[in-house]
Amino acid sequence: MNLAAAEHGFLSPTGAEIAFVLIGLVVLGSALLVVTTRQVVHAALWLVVTLGGLAAEYLLLTAEFIAWVQVLIYVGAVVVLLLFGLMLTKAPIGYSEPADRAARIPAATVALGATATLVTVIVDAFRTAYLHLGDDTVGTTKVTGESLFKVWVLPFEVLSVLLLAALIGAVVLSRSRARARSDRKD
């Protein structure tokens, strides 16, 4: 344990720790609103708040590069892609009572099971992990780039192909519906 950790105990948090917890609570609240709101567009806007809060958390963890990537890619591109897909497919944007009511109990069961699994895995994986933020190499672009292009390049590419497939699917669905409407008019 270093001197800074000895000076600041659990009952005397630093300003950065207080900000981290407060932003975490905002992120948690907005994430709950993403999945509980009845309007799809409102869910996308709450997703912007959630992802922006995560970027702020990355800034507090001295990972500036990851924070800006979070803002540019997730807040900027993924949410825009989500809204673009909604507009292209002309998905029902309002609340649909019959479809939502039947799925509540199975959805809650799956959500609780997934949460329990994630908490168990994360607690087990990081039980003894300690990250000293005073180290100059933590969060730098060089370290992040090496990790990204050595370890995470395949999952990143798979995700990009998945997003491309979703966009192509939205275009195909919108064109097939437009073609069906034009055939009915003739």
N, C-alpha and C. Protein backbone atom coordinates (compact mmCIF):
# COMPACT_ATOMS: atom_id res chain seq x y z
N MET A 1 0.85 -1.17 0.00
CA MET A 1 0.00 0.00 0.00
C MET A 1 0.89 1.23 0.00
N ASN A 2 0.61 2.20 -0.86
CA ASN A 2 1.44 3.39 -0.94
C ASN A 2 0.96 4.46 0.03
N LEU A 3 1.66 5.57 0.06
CA LEU A 3 1.37 6.64 1.02
C LEU A 3 0.00 7.26 0.76
N ALA A 4 -0.35 7.45 -0.52
CA ALA A 4 -1.65 8.05 -0.84
C ALA A 4 -2.78 7.16 -0.36
N ALA A 5 -2.63 5.85 -0.53
CA ALA A 5 -3.68 4.93 -0.08
C ALA A 5 -3.76 4.91 1.44
N ALA A 6 -2.63 5.10 2.13
CA ALA A 6 -2.65 5.10 3.58
C ALA A 6 -3.30 6.38 4.11
N GLU A 7 -3.09 7.52 3.43
CA GLU A 7 -3.67 8.78 3.88
C GLU A 7 -5.17 8.83 3.69
N HIS A 8 -5.65 8.30 2.59
CA HIS A 8 -7.07 8.36 2.28
C HIS A 8 -7.68 6.99 2.48
N GLY A 9 -8.38 6.81 3.54
CA GLY A 9 -9.02 5.54 3.83
C GLY A 9 -10.39 5.46 3.19
N PHE A 10 -11.12 4.46 3.57
CA PHE A 10 -12.46 4.23 3.03
C PHE A 10 -13.41 5.34 3.43
N LEU A 11 -13.25 5.87 4.64
CA LEU A 11 -14.16 6.89 5.15
C LEU A 11 -13.74 8.31 4.79
N SER A 12 -12.61 8.48 4.14
CA SER A 12 -12.19 9.81 3.70
C SER A 12 -11.81 9.78 2.23
N PRO A 13 -12.81 9.70 1.34
CA PRO A 13 -12.51 9.59 -0.10
C PRO A 13 -12.02 10.93 -0.66
N THR A 14 -11.29 10.83 -1.75
CA THR A 14 -10.82 12.02 -2.46
C THR A 14 -11.94 12.56 -3.33
N GLY A 15 -11.72 13.75 -3.88
CA GLY A 15 -12.71 14.36 -4.77
C GLY A 15 -12.95 13.53 -6.01
N ALA A 16 -11.88 12.94 -6.54
CA ALA A 16 -12.02 12.10 -7.74
C ALA A 16 -12.85 10.86 -7.44
N GLU A 17 -12.67 10.29 -6.26
CA GLU A 17 -13.46 9.11 -5.89
C GLU A 17 -14.93 9.47 -5.71
N ILE A 18 -15.21 10.63 -5.12
CA ILE A 18 -16.60 11.07 -4.97
C ILE A 18 -17.22 11.32 -6.33
N ALA A 19 -16.48 12.00 -7.23
CA ALA A 19 -16.98 12.24 -8.58
C ALA A 19 -17.23 10.92 -9.31
N PHE A 20 -16.33 9.95 -9.12
CA PHE A 20 -16.48 8.65 -9.77
C PHE A 20 -17.77 7.97 -9.33
N VAL A 21 -18.06 8.00 -8.03
CA VAL A 21 -19.28 7.37 -7.52
C VAL A 21 -20.51 8.11 -8.00
N LEU A 22 -20.49 9.44 -7.98
CA LEU A 22 -21.65 10.21 -8.43
C LEU A 22 -21.93 9.99 -9.91
N ILE A 23 -20.88 10.03 -10.72
CA ILE A 23 -21.07 9.77 -12.15
C ILE A 23 -21.53 8.34 -12.36
N GLY A 24 -21.00 7.40 -11.58
CA GLY A 24 -21.46 6.01 -11.67
C GLY A 24 -22.93 5.87 -11.36
N LEU A 25 -23.43 6.63 -10.38
CA LEU A 25 -24.86 6.58 -10.07
C LEU A 25 -25.70 7.16 -11.21
N VAL A 26 -25.20 8.22 -11.84
CA VAL A 26 -25.90 8.79 -13.00
C VAL A 26 -25.92 7.77 -14.13
N VAL A 27 -24.80 7.10 -14.36
CA VAL A 27 -24.72 6.08 -15.42
C VAL A 27 -25.68 4.94 -15.12
N LEU A 28 -25.71 4.50 -13.87
CA LEU A 28 -26.62 3.41 -13.50
C LEU A 28 -28.07 3.82 -13.69
N GLY A 29 -28.43 5.02 -13.25
CA GLY A 29 -29.81 5.49 -13.43
C GLY A 29 -30.20 5.62 -14.88
N SER A 30 -29.32 6.20 -15.70
CA SER A 30 -29.66 6.34 -17.12
C SER A 30 -29.69 5.00 -17.83
N ALA A 31 -28.84 4.05 -17.39
CA ALA A 31 -28.88 2.71 -17.99
C ALA A 31 -30.20 2.01 -17.66
N LEU A 32 -30.68 2.21 -16.45
CA LEU A 32 -31.99 1.64 -16.09
C LEU A 32 -33.10 2.28 -16.92
N LEU A 33 -32.98 3.58 -17.17
CA LEU A 33 -33.98 4.25 -18.01
C LEU A 33 -33.91 3.77 -19.46
N VAL A 34 -32.73 3.38 -19.94
CA VAL A 34 -32.60 2.85 -21.30
C VAL A 34 -33.49 1.62 -21.46
N VAL A 35 -33.47 0.74 -20.48
CA VAL A 35 -34.20 -0.52 -20.62
C VAL A 35 -35.62 -0.46 -20.09
N THR A 36 -35.99 0.60 -19.38
CA THR A 36 -37.35 0.65 -18.84
C THR A 36 -38.24 1.68 -19.50
N THR A 37 -37.69 2.58 -20.30
CA THR A 37 -38.53 3.59 -20.94
C THR A 37 -39.41 2.95 -22.02
N ARG A 38 -40.52 3.56 -22.24
CA ARG A 38 -41.48 2.98 -23.20
C ARG A 38 -41.29 3.50 -24.61
N GLN A 39 -40.51 4.51 -24.79
CA GLN A 39 -40.26 5.09 -26.11
C GLN A 39 -38.86 4.71 -26.58
N VAL A 40 -38.74 4.20 -27.79
CA VAL A 40 -37.46 3.74 -28.31
C VAL A 40 -36.50 4.91 -28.52
N VAL A 41 -36.99 6.03 -28.99
CA VAL A 41 -36.14 7.19 -29.21
C VAL A 41 -35.63 7.72 -27.87
N HIS A 42 -36.48 7.73 -26.86
CA HIS A 42 -36.04 8.16 -25.53
C HIS A 42 -34.98 7.21 -24.99
N ALA A 43 -35.13 5.92 -25.26
CA ALA A 43 -34.11 4.95 -24.84
C ALA A 43 -32.77 5.26 -25.50
N ALA A 44 -32.80 5.63 -26.77
CA ALA A 44 -31.55 5.98 -27.47
C ALA A 44 -30.92 7.23 -26.86
N LEU A 45 -31.74 8.19 -26.47
CA LEU A 45 -31.19 9.40 -25.85
C LEU A 45 -30.64 9.11 -24.45
N TRP A 46 -31.29 8.24 -23.70
CA TRP A 46 -30.74 7.84 -22.40
C TRP A 46 -29.45 7.04 -22.59
N LEU A 47 -29.35 6.33 -23.71
CA LEU A 47 -28.11 5.62 -24.02
C LEU A 47 -26.97 6.61 -24.25
N VAL A 48 -27.26 7.76 -24.84
CA VAL A 48 -26.25 8.80 -25.01
C VAL A 48 -25.74 9.26 -23.63
N VAL A 49 -26.66 9.46 -22.69
CA VAL A 49 -26.26 9.87 -21.34
C VAL A 49 -25.41 8.78 -20.68
N THR A 50 -25.83 7.53 -20.83
CA THR A 50 -25.08 6.41 -20.24
C THR A 50 -23.67 6.34 -20.80
N LEU A 51 -23.54 6.38 -22.10
CA LEU A 51 -22.23 6.26 -22.73
C LEU A 51 -21.37 7.49 -22.46
N GLY A 52 -21.98 8.67 -22.39
CA GLY A 52 -21.23 9.87 -22.03
C GLY A 52 -20.72 9.80 -20.61
N GLY A 53 -21.53 9.25 -19.70
CA GLY A 53 -21.09 9.07 -18.32
C GLY A 53 -19.93 8.10 -18.22
N LEU A 54 -19.97 7.05 -19.03
CA LEU A 54 -18.85 6.11 -19.04
C LEU A 54 -17.58 6.78 -19.55
N ALA A 55 -17.72 7.67 -20.52
CA ALA A 55 -16.55 8.41 -21.00
C ALA A 55 -15.98 9.28 -19.88
N ALA A 56 -16.85 9.88 -19.08
CA ALA A 56 -16.38 10.68 -17.94
C ALA A 56 -15.66 9.79 -16.92
N GLU A 57 -16.16 8.58 -16.73
CA GLU A 57 -15.48 7.65 -15.81
C GLU A 57 -14.09 7.29 -16.33
N TYR A 58 -13.97 7.10 -17.65
CA TYR A 58 -12.65 6.81 -18.22
C TYR A 58 -11.70 7.99 -18.02
N LEU A 59 -12.22 9.21 -18.13
CA LEU A 59 -11.37 10.38 -17.88
C LEU A 59 -10.88 10.39 -16.43
N LEU A 60 -11.74 10.03 -15.50
CA LEU A 60 -11.33 9.98 -14.10
C LEU A 60 -10.31 8.88 -13.84
N LEU A 61 -10.30 7.85 -14.67
CA LEU A 61 -9.33 6.76 -14.53
C LEU A 61 -8.06 7.01 -15.34
N THR A 62 -7.90 8.22 -15.81
CA THR A 62 -6.75 8.68 -16.60
C THR A 62 -6.57 7.90 -17.90
N ALA A 63 -7.66 7.49 -18.50
CA ALA A 63 -7.62 6.82 -19.80
C ALA A 63 -8.28 7.75 -20.82
N GLU A 64 -7.59 8.85 -21.12
CA GLU A 64 -8.17 9.88 -21.98
C GLU A 64 -8.46 9.37 -23.39
N PHE A 65 -7.58 8.56 -23.92
CA PHE A 65 -7.77 8.04 -25.27
C PHE A 65 -9.05 7.20 -25.35
N ILE A 66 -9.23 6.32 -24.37
CA ILE A 66 -10.44 5.49 -24.35
C ILE A 66 -11.68 6.35 -24.17
N ALA A 67 -11.58 7.41 -23.37
CA ALA A 67 -12.73 8.30 -23.17
C ALA A 67 -13.16 8.95 -24.49
N TRP A 68 -12.20 9.43 -25.26
CA TRP A 68 -12.55 10.07 -26.52
C TRP A 68 -13.01 9.07 -27.57
N VAL A 69 -12.45 7.89 -27.54
CA VAL A 69 -12.95 6.84 -28.43
C VAL A 69 -14.40 6.50 -28.07
N GLN A 70 -14.69 6.45 -26.78
CA GLN A 70 -16.06 6.20 -26.31
C GLN A 70 -17.01 7.26 -26.85
N VAL A 71 -16.60 8.51 -26.77
CA VAL A 71 -17.46 9.60 -27.25
C VAL A 71 -17.63 9.53 -28.76
N LEU A 72 -16.52 9.39 -29.47
CA LEU A 72 -16.59 9.44 -30.94
C LEU A 72 -17.29 8.22 -31.52
N ILE A 73 -16.93 7.04 -31.05
CA ILE A 73 -17.47 5.83 -31.67
C ILE A 73 -18.83 5.46 -31.11
N TYR A 74 -18.93 5.33 -29.79
CA TYR A 74 -20.19 4.85 -29.23
C TYR A 74 -21.25 5.93 -29.19
N VAL A 75 -20.94 7.08 -28.62
CA VAL A 75 -21.94 8.14 -28.54
C VAL A 75 -22.22 8.69 -29.93
N GLY A 76 -21.17 8.93 -30.70
CA GLY A 76 -21.36 9.53 -32.00
C GLY A 76 -21.88 8.59 -33.06
N ALA A 77 -21.27 7.44 -33.18
CA ALA A 77 -21.59 6.56 -34.31
C ALA A 77 -22.65 5.52 -33.99
N VAL A 78 -22.52 4.82 -32.89
CA VAL A 78 -23.44 3.71 -32.62
C VAL A 78 -24.85 4.22 -32.35
N VAL A 79 -24.99 5.29 -31.58
CA VAL A 79 -26.32 5.81 -31.31
C VAL A 79 -26.94 6.38 -32.57
N VAL A 80 -26.14 7.06 -33.38
CA VAL A 80 -26.64 7.56 -34.66
C VAL A 80 -27.06 6.39 -35.56
N LEU A 81 -26.27 5.32 -35.57
CA LEU A 81 -26.63 4.14 -36.34
C LEU A 81 -27.94 3.53 -35.84
N LEU A 82 -28.11 3.49 -34.53
CA LEU A 82 -29.36 2.97 -33.95
C LEU A 82 -30.55 3.82 -34.39
N LEU A 83 -30.44 5.13 -34.29
CA LEU A 83 -31.54 6.00 -34.72
C LEU A 83 -31.76 5.93 -36.22
N PHE A 84 -30.67 5.82 -36.99
CA PHE A 84 -30.77 5.68 -38.43
C PHE A 84 -31.51 4.39 -38.80
N GLY A 85 -31.17 3.29 -38.10
CA GLY A 85 -31.86 2.02 -38.33
C GLY A 85 -33.33 2.10 -37.98
N LEU A 86 -33.67 2.80 -36.93
CA LEU A 86 -35.08 2.98 -36.57
C LEU A 86 -35.84 3.73 -37.65
N MET A 87 -35.21 4.77 -38.17
CA MET A 87 -35.87 5.55 -39.22
C MET A 87 -35.98 4.77 -40.52
N LEU A 88 -34.95 4.01 -40.86
CA LEU A 88 -34.99 3.26 -42.11
C LEU A 88 -36.02 2.15 -42.10
N THR A 89 -36.12 1.45 -40.97
CA THR A 89 -37.06 0.32 -40.92
C THR A 89 -38.46 0.77 -40.57
N LYS A 90 -38.63 2.01 -40.22
CA LYS A 90 -39.94 2.54 -39.81
C LYS A 90 -40.53 1.67 -38.71
N ALA A 91 -39.68 1.35 -37.74
CA ALA A 91 -40.10 0.53 -36.60
C ALA A 91 -41.11 1.31 -35.78
N PRO A 92 -42.02 0.60 -35.13
CA PRO A 92 -42.98 1.31 -34.27
C PRO A 92 -42.23 1.99 -33.13
N ILE A 93 -42.43 3.29 -33.02
CA ILE A 93 -41.66 4.06 -32.05
C ILE A 93 -42.40 4.18 -30.73
N GLY A 94 -43.69 4.05 -30.74
CA GLY A 94 -44.47 4.21 -29.52
C GLY A 94 -44.50 2.96 -28.66
N TYR A 95 -45.28 3.03 -27.61
CA TYR A 95 -45.42 1.94 -26.65
C TYR A 95 -46.46 0.95 -27.18
N SER A 96 -46.16 -0.34 -27.06
CA SER A 96 -47.13 -1.37 -27.46
C SER A 96 -47.43 -2.24 -26.24
N GLU A 97 -48.57 -2.06 -25.66
CA GLU A 97 -48.94 -2.72 -24.41
C GLU A 97 -48.96 -4.25 -24.51
N PRO A 98 -49.62 -4.86 -25.52
CA PRO A 98 -49.69 -6.33 -25.53
C PRO A 98 -48.31 -7.00 -25.65
N ALA A 99 -47.43 -6.45 -26.47
CA ALA A 99 -46.13 -7.08 -26.66
C ALA A 99 -45.25 -6.94 -25.43
N ASP A 100 -45.35 -5.83 -24.74
CA ASP A 100 -44.50 -5.59 -23.58
C ASP A 100 -44.95 -6.36 -22.34
N ARG A 101 -46.23 -6.53 -22.16
CA ARG A 101 -46.74 -7.15 -20.94
C ARG A 101 -46.38 -8.62 -20.85
N ALA A 102 -46.45 -9.34 -21.94
CA ALA A 102 -46.20 -10.79 -21.91
C ALA A 102 -44.74 -11.13 -21.65
N ALA A 103 -43.86 -10.24 -21.99
CA ALA A 103 -42.43 -10.54 -21.90
C ALA A 103 -41.78 -10.05 -20.61
N ARG A 104 -42.54 -9.46 -19.71
CA ARG A 104 -41.92 -8.88 -18.51
C ARG A 104 -41.28 -9.91 -17.60
N ILE A 105 -41.97 -10.96 -17.28
CA ILE A 105 -41.43 -11.95 -16.33
C ILE A 105 -40.25 -12.71 -16.93
N PRO A 106 -40.34 -13.22 -18.16
CA PRO A 106 -39.14 -13.87 -18.73
C PRO A 106 -37.97 -12.89 -18.89
N ALA A 107 -38.26 -11.66 -19.26
CA ALA A 107 -37.18 -10.68 -19.41
C ALA A 107 -36.52 -10.38 -18.07
N ALA A 108 -37.30 -10.25 -17.03
CA ALA A 108 -36.73 -9.99 -15.69
C ALA A 108 -35.91 -11.19 -15.22
N THR A 109 -36.37 -12.39 -15.52
CA THR A 109 -35.63 -13.59 -15.13
C THR A 109 -34.28 -13.66 -15.85
N VAL A 110 -34.28 -13.41 -17.14
CA VAL A 110 -33.04 -13.42 -17.91
C VAL A 110 -32.11 -12.30 -17.44
N ALA A 111 -32.66 -11.11 -17.18
CA ALA A 111 -31.84 -9.99 -16.72
C ALA A 111 -31.20 -10.28 -15.37
N LEU A 112 -31.96 -10.84 -14.44
CA LEU A 112 -31.39 -11.18 -13.13
C LEU A 112 -30.33 -12.26 -13.24
N GLY A 113 -30.57 -13.26 -14.07
CA GLY A 113 -29.58 -14.32 -14.28
C GLY A 113 -28.30 -13.79 -14.91
N ALA A 114 -28.45 -12.91 -15.92
CA ALA A 114 -27.28 -12.33 -16.57
C ALA A 114 -26.51 -11.43 -15.60
N THR A 115 -27.24 -10.67 -14.79
CA THR A 115 -26.58 -9.80 -13.81
C THR A 115 -25.81 -10.62 -12.78
N ALA A 116 -26.43 -11.67 -12.27
CA ALA A 116 -25.76 -12.53 -11.29
C ALA A 116 -24.50 -13.17 -11.89
N THR A 117 -24.61 -13.63 -13.13
CA THR A 117 -23.46 -14.24 -13.79
C THR A 117 -22.33 -13.22 -13.99
N LEU A 118 -22.68 -12.02 -14.48
CA LEU A 118 -21.66 -10.99 -14.69
C LEU A 118 -20.99 -10.57 -13.39
N VAL A 119 -21.78 -10.37 -12.34
CA VAL A 119 -21.19 -9.97 -11.06
C VAL A 119 -20.27 -11.06 -10.54
N THR A 120 -20.69 -12.31 -10.64
CA THR A 120 -19.85 -13.41 -10.18
C THR A 120 -18.53 -13.47 -10.95
N VAL A 121 -18.60 -13.37 -12.26
CA VAL A 121 -17.40 -13.45 -13.09
C VAL A 121 -16.47 -12.27 -12.82
N ILE A 122 -17.02 -11.06 -12.73
CA ILE A 122 -16.19 -9.87 -12.52
C ILE A 122 -15.55 -9.88 -11.14
N VAL A 123 -16.32 -10.23 -10.12
CA VAL A 123 -15.75 -10.27 -8.76
C VAL A 123 -14.67 -11.33 -8.68
N ASP A 124 -14.90 -12.48 -9.28
CA ASP A 124 -13.90 -13.54 -9.25
C ASP A 124 -12.64 -13.16 -10.03
N ALA A 125 -12.82 -12.50 -11.16
CA ALA A 125 -11.68 -12.16 -12.01
C ALA A 125 -10.83 -11.03 -11.42
N PHE A 126 -11.46 -10.08 -10.75
CA PHE A 126 -10.74 -8.91 -10.28
C PHE A 126 -10.63 -8.83 -8.76
N ARG A 127 -10.78 -9.94 -8.09
CA ARG A 127 -10.73 -9.96 -6.63
C ARG A 127 -9.40 -9.45 -6.10
N THR A 128 -8.31 -9.85 -6.71
CA THR A 128 -6.99 -9.46 -6.21
C THR A 128 -6.32 -8.40 -7.09
N ALA A 129 -7.03 -7.89 -8.08
CA ALA A 129 -6.43 -6.91 -8.98
C ALA A 129 -6.32 -5.55 -8.32
N TYR A 130 -5.20 -4.91 -8.53
CA TYR A 130 -4.98 -3.56 -8.02
C TYR A 130 -4.28 -2.77 -9.11
N LEU A 131 -4.82 -1.62 -9.42
CA LEU A 131 -4.26 -0.78 -10.46
C LEU A 131 -3.76 0.50 -9.82
N HIS A 132 -2.47 0.70 -9.86
CA HIS A 132 -1.88 1.91 -9.29
C HIS A 132 -1.96 3.00 -10.35
N LEU A 133 -2.80 4.02 -10.11
CA LEU A 133 -3.02 5.07 -11.10
C LEU A 133 -1.88 6.08 -11.17
N GLY A 134 -0.92 6.00 -10.25
CA GLY A 134 0.21 6.91 -10.29
C GLY A 134 1.23 6.54 -11.35
N ASP A 135 1.11 5.35 -11.91
CA ASP A 135 2.03 4.88 -12.93
C ASP A 135 1.77 5.63 -14.23
N ASP A 136 2.81 6.16 -14.86
CA ASP A 136 2.64 6.96 -16.07
C ASP A 136 2.24 6.13 -17.29
N THR A 137 2.47 4.83 -17.26
CA THR A 137 2.16 4.01 -18.43
C THR A 137 0.70 3.57 -18.46
N VAL A 138 0.00 3.67 -17.35
CA VAL A 138 -1.40 3.23 -17.30
C VAL A 138 -2.26 4.23 -18.05
N GLY A 139 -3.06 3.75 -18.99
CA GLY A 139 -3.98 4.60 -19.72
C GLY A 139 -3.38 5.38 -20.86
N THR A 140 -2.10 5.21 -21.15
CA THR A 140 -1.50 5.94 -22.25
C THR A 140 -1.95 5.36 -23.58
N THR A 141 -1.82 6.16 -24.60
CA THR A 141 -2.23 5.72 -25.93
C THR A 141 -1.37 4.55 -26.40
N LYS A 142 -0.09 4.56 -26.06
CA LYS A 142 0.80 3.48 -26.49
C LYS A 142 0.37 2.14 -25.90
N VAL A 143 0.14 2.11 -24.60
CA VAL A 143 -0.27 0.86 -23.93
C VAL A 143 -1.63 0.41 -24.44
N THR A 144 -2.54 1.37 -24.58
CA THR A 144 -3.88 1.03 -25.07
C THR A 144 -3.83 0.50 -26.50
N GLY A 145 -3.04 1.15 -27.35
CA GLY A 145 -2.91 0.71 -28.74
C GLY A 145 -2.31 -0.68 -28.85
N GLU A 146 -1.28 -0.95 -28.05
CA GLU A 146 -0.68 -2.28 -28.07
C GLU A 146 -1.69 -3.34 -27.64
N SER A 147 -2.46 -3.05 -26.60
CA SER A 147 -3.47 -4.00 -26.14
C SER A 147 -4.56 -4.18 -27.19
N LEU A 148 -4.99 -3.06 -27.79
CA LEU A 148 -6.07 -3.11 -28.77
C LEU A 148 -5.68 -3.91 -30.01
N PHE A 149 -4.47 -3.71 -30.52
CA PHE A 149 -4.09 -4.36 -31.75
C PHE A 149 -3.45 -5.73 -31.57
N LYS A 150 -3.14 -6.11 -30.34
CA LYS A 150 -2.62 -7.45 -30.08
C LYS A 150 -3.71 -8.38 -29.57
N VAL A 151 -4.51 -7.91 -28.63
CA VAL A 151 -5.47 -8.77 -27.94
C VAL A 151 -6.88 -8.61 -28.48
N TRP A 152 -7.30 -7.36 -28.75
CA TRP A 152 -8.70 -7.09 -29.03
C TRP A 152 -9.01 -6.84 -30.49
N VAL A 153 -8.10 -7.10 -31.40
CA VAL A 153 -8.35 -6.78 -32.80
C VAL A 153 -9.46 -7.67 -33.39
N LEU A 154 -9.49 -8.94 -33.07
CA LEU A 154 -10.51 -9.83 -33.64
C LEU A 154 -11.92 -9.47 -33.13
N PRO A 155 -12.14 -9.31 -31.82
CA PRO A 155 -13.48 -8.90 -31.39
C PRO A 155 -13.91 -7.56 -31.97
N PHE A 156 -12.98 -6.63 -32.13
CA PHE A 156 -13.29 -5.33 -32.70
C PHE A 156 -13.76 -5.48 -34.15
N GLU A 157 -13.08 -6.29 -34.92
CA GLU A 157 -13.46 -6.50 -36.32
C GLU A 157 -14.78 -7.25 -36.44
N VAL A 158 -15.01 -8.21 -35.55
CA VAL A 158 -16.29 -8.94 -35.56
C VAL A 158 -17.44 -7.97 -35.27
N LEU A 159 -17.24 -7.07 -34.32
CA LEU A 159 -18.26 -6.08 -34.01
C LEU A 159 -18.51 -5.15 -35.19
N SER A 160 -17.46 -4.76 -35.89
CA SER A 160 -17.65 -3.87 -37.04
C SER A 160 -18.42 -4.58 -38.15
N VAL A 161 -18.16 -5.85 -38.36
CA VAL A 161 -18.91 -6.61 -39.37
C VAL A 161 -20.37 -6.76 -38.95
N LEU A 162 -20.61 -6.98 -37.66
CA LEU A 162 -21.98 -7.09 -37.15
C LEU A 162 -22.75 -5.78 -37.37
N LEU A 163 -22.12 -4.65 -37.07
CA LEU A 163 -22.78 -3.36 -37.29
C LEU A 163 -23.04 -3.10 -38.77
N LEU A 164 -22.10 -3.50 -39.62
CA LEU A 164 -22.31 -3.36 -41.06
C LEU A 164 -23.47 -4.23 -41.53
N ALA A 165 -23.56 -5.45 -41.02
CA ALA A 165 -24.67 -6.34 -41.39
C ALA A 165 -26.01 -5.76 -40.92
N ALA A 166 -26.03 -5.15 -39.74
CA ALA A 166 -27.26 -4.53 -39.24
C ALA A 166 -27.68 -3.37 -40.14
N LEU A 167 -26.74 -2.57 -40.57
CA LEU A 167 -27.06 -1.45 -41.45
C LEU A 167 -27.55 -1.94 -42.80
N ILE A 168 -26.92 -2.95 -43.36
CA ILE A 168 -27.37 -3.51 -44.65
C ILE A 168 -28.76 -4.12 -44.49
N GLY A 169 -29.00 -4.80 -43.38
CA GLY A 169 -30.32 -5.37 -43.12
C GLY A 169 -31.39 -4.30 -43.03
N ALA A 170 -31.09 -3.18 -42.40
CA ALA A 170 -32.05 -2.08 -42.31
C ALA A 170 -32.38 -1.52 -43.69
N VAL A 171 -31.35 -1.37 -44.53
CA VAL A 171 -31.58 -0.87 -45.89
C VAL A 171 -32.44 -1.85 -46.69
N VAL A 172 -32.14 -3.14 -46.59
CA VAL A 172 -32.91 -4.16 -47.32
C VAL A 172 -34.37 -4.16 -46.85
N LEU A 173 -34.58 -4.10 -45.53
CA LEU A 173 -35.95 -4.07 -45.02
C LEU A 173 -36.70 -2.84 -45.47
N SER A 174 -36.07 -1.69 -45.47
CA SER A 174 -36.76 -0.47 -45.89
C SER A 174 -37.09 -0.51 -47.37
N ARG A 175 -36.20 -1.06 -48.18
CA ARG A 175 -36.47 -1.13 -49.62
C ARG A 175 -37.57 -2.14 -49.93
N SER A 176 -37.58 -3.27 -49.23
CA SER A 176 -38.61 -4.28 -49.51
C SER A 176 -39.99 -3.76 -49.10
N ARG A 177 -40.07 -3.00 -48.02
CA ARG A 177 -41.36 -2.42 -47.62
C ARG A 177 -41.80 -1.34 -48.60
N ALA A 178 -40.86 -0.54 -49.08
CA ALA A 178 -41.20 0.50 -50.06
C ALA A 178 -41.66 -0.14 -51.36
N ARG A 179 -41.02 -1.23 -51.77
CA ARG A 179 -41.40 -1.92 -52.99
C ARG A 179 -42.79 -2.55 -52.84
N ALA A 180 -43.08 -3.11 -51.67
CA ALA A 180 -44.39 -3.72 -51.44
C ALA A 180 -45.49 -2.66 -51.48
N ARG A 181 -45.22 -1.48 -50.94
CA ARG A 181 -46.22 -0.40 -50.98
C ARG A 181 -46.45 0.08 -52.40
N SER A 182 -45.39 0.18 -53.21
CA SER A 182 -45.55 0.62 -54.59
C SER A 182 -46.28 -0.42 -55.42
N ASP A 183 -46.10 -1.72 -55.11
CA ASP A 183 -46.83 -2.77 -55.84
C ASP A 183 -48.30 -2.73 -55.52
N ARG A 184 -48.67 -2.41 -54.27
CA ARG A 184 -50.08 -2.31 -53.88
C ARG A 184 -50.77 -1.14 -54.53
N LYS A 185 -50.04 -0.05 -54.77
CA LYS A 185 -50.63 1.14 -55.40
C LYS A 185 -50.93 0.91 -56.86
N ASP A 186 -50.18 0.02 -57.51
CA ASP A 186 -50.37 -0.24 -58.95
C ASP A 186 -51.54 -1.07 -59.22
